[in-house]
Amino acid sequence: MARQPWWRATKTLEQSKRSGLLYAAVAVLAWTLGYDDTSPFVWFVKVLFTVVAVYFLAAWYVRRSHERDEAG
């Protein structure tokens, strides 16, 4: 079984975009609600959701570029 590239984390291009936007919204919410909380767990949650959002949005961007190149 061949391993897929990192930017094919989801089945469709639209799913990558939706996942990225969802995690970005949760990250914004976490940063907004926990802006004055300095506990390690809250910082971990904020950074985790931010990193996951960046990952899915980057996957969407790269996959969109690859699909455009393949189309013409």
C-alpha atoms as a PDB file:
ATOM      1  CA  MET A   1       0.000   0.000   0.000  1.00  0.00           C
ATOM      2  CA  ALA A   2       1.515   3.298  -1.090  1.00  0.00           C
ATOM      3  CA  ARG A   3       1.676   6.157   1.336  1.00  0.00           C
ATOM      4  CA  GLN A   4      -0.220   9.292   0.362  1.00  0.00           C
ATOM      5  CA  PRO A   5       1.382  12.744   0.419  1.00  0.00           C
ATOM      6  CA  TRP A   6       0.723  14.870   3.512  1.00  0.00           C
ATOM      7  CA  TRP A   7      -1.501  17.258   1.591  1.00  0.00           C
ATOM      8  CA  ARG A   8      -3.987  14.485   0.840  1.00  0.00           C
ATOM      9  CA  ALA A   9      -4.998  14.315   4.507  1.00  0.00           C
ATOM     10  CA  THR A  10      -8.673  14.292   3.562  1.00  0.00           C
ATOM     11  CA  LYS A  11     -10.657  12.656   0.789  1.00  0.00           C
ATOM     12  CA  THR A  12     -11.644  15.845  -1.012  1.00  0.00           C
ATOM     13  CA  LEU A  13     -10.379  19.351  -1.519  1.00  0.00           C
ATOM     14  CA  GLU A  14     -13.528  20.804   0.025  1.00  0.00           C
ATOM     15  CA  GLN A  15     -13.169  18.610   3.096  1.00  0.00           C
ATOM     16  CA  SER A  16      -9.661  19.966   3.707  1.00  0.00           C
ATOM     17  CA  LYS A  17     -10.954  23.519   3.481  1.00  0.00           C
ATOM     18  CA  ARG A  18     -13.871  22.849   5.827  1.00  0.00           C
ATOM     19  CA  SER A  19     -11.642  21.097   8.355  1.00  0.00           C
ATOM     20  CA  GLY A  20      -9.127  23.933   8.262  1.00  0.00           C
ATOM     21  CA  LEU A  21     -11.794  26.586   8.711  1.00  0.00           C
ATOM     22  CA  LEU A  22     -13.422  24.642  11.542  1.00  0.00           C
ATOM     23  CA  TYR A  23     -10.151  24.262  13.426  1.00  0.00           C
ATOM     24  CA  ALA A  24      -9.300  27.912  12.729  1.00  0.00           C
ATOM     25  CA  ALA A  25     -12.624  28.971  14.236  1.00  0.00           C
ATOM     26  CA  VAL A  26     -12.003  26.803  17.301  1.00  0.00           C
ATOM     27  CA  ALA A  27      -8.468  28.204  17.592  1.00  0.00           C
ATOM     28  CA  VAL A  28      -9.759  31.780  17.457  1.00  0.00           C
ATOM     29  CA  LEU A  29     -12.341  30.902  20.078  1.00  0.00           C
ATOM     30  CA  ALA A  30      -9.693  29.301  22.298  1.00  0.00           C
ATOM     31  CA  TRP A  31      -7.371  32.302  21.966  1.00  0.00           C
ATOM     32  CA  THR A  32     -10.248  34.701  22.642  1.00  0.00           C
ATOM     33  CA  LEU A  33     -11.726  32.913  25.651  1.00  0.00           C
ATOM     34  CA  GLY A  34      -8.387  31.936  27.161  1.00  0.00           C
ATOM     35  CA  TYR A  35      -6.443  35.123  26.506  1.00  0.00           C
ATOM     36  CA  ASP A  36      -5.588  35.727  30.155  1.00  0.00           C
ATOM     37  CA  ASP A  37      -5.223  32.100  31.227  1.00  0.00           C
ATOM     38  CA  THR A  38      -1.571  31.100  31.459  1.00  0.00           C
ATOM     39  CA  SER A  39      -1.988  27.482  32.548  1.00  0.00           C
ATOM     40  CA  PRO A  40       0.027  24.973  30.498  1.00  0.00           C
ATOM     41  CA  PHE A  41      -3.058  23.016  29.453  1.00  0.00           C
ATOM     42  CA  VAL A  42      -4.827  26.076  28.030  1.00  0.00           C
ATOM     43  CA  TRP A  43      -1.689  27.084  26.131  1.00  0.00           C
ATOM     44  CA  PHE A  44      -1.386  23.537  24.800  1.00  0.00           C
ATOM     45  CA  VAL A  45      -5.007  23.592  23.572  1.00  0.00           C
ATOM     46  CA  LYS A  46      -4.546  26.999  21.912  1.00  0.00           C
ATOM     47  CA  VAL A  47      -1.363  25.968  20.132  1.00  0.00           C
ATOM     48  CA  LEU A  48      -2.746  22.558  19.180  1.00  0.00           C
ATOM     49  CA  PHE A  49      -5.848  23.943  17.472  1.00  0.00           C
ATOM     50  CA  THR A  50      -3.767  26.616  15.741  1.00  0.00           C
ATOM     51  CA  VAL A  51      -1.292  24.061  14.378  1.00  0.00           C
ATOM     52  CA  VAL A  52      -4.047  21.710  13.206  1.00  0.00           C
ATOM     53  CA  ALA A  53      -5.847  24.590  11.474  1.00  0.00           C
ATOM     54  CA  VAL A  54      -2.644  25.653   9.703  1.00  0.00           C
ATOM     55  CA  TYR A  55      -2.017  22.038   8.665  1.00  0.00           C
ATOM     56  CA  PHE A  56      -5.451  21.572   7.079  1.00  0.00           C
ATOM     57  CA  LEU A  57      -5.439  24.995   5.415  1.00  0.00           C
ATOM     58  CA  ALA A  58      -1.950  24.360   4.028  1.00  0.00           C
ATOM     59  CA  ALA A  59      -3.090  20.947   2.774  1.00  0.00           C
ATOM     60  CA  TRP A  60      -6.068  22.608   1.098  1.00  0.00           C
ATOM     61  CA  TYR A  61      -3.846  25.223  -0.545  1.00  0.00           C
ATOM     62  CA  VAL A  62      -1.256  22.718  -1.797  1.00  0.00           C
ATOM     63  CA  ARG A  63      -3.885  20.250  -2.981  1.00  0.00           C
ATOM     64  CA  ARG A  64      -5.731  23.014  -4.830  1.00  0.00           C
ATOM     65  CA  SER A  65      -2.474  23.975  -6.546  1.00  0.00           C
ATOM     66  CA  HIS A  66      -1.753  20.380  -7.520  1.00  0.00           C
ATOM     67  CA  GLU A  67      -5.250  19.833  -8.885  1.00  0.00           C
ATOM     68  CA  ARG A  68      -5.034  23.030 -10.931  1.00  0.00           C
ATOM     69  CA  ASP A  69      -1.686  21.900 -12.366  1.00  0.00           C
ATOM     70  CA  GLU A  70      -3.113  18.502 -13.271  1.00  0.00           C
ATOM     71  CA  ALA A  71      -6.167  20.067 -14.913  1.00  0.00           C
ATOM     72  CA  GLY A  72      -4.176  22.206 -17.242  1.00  0.00           C
END
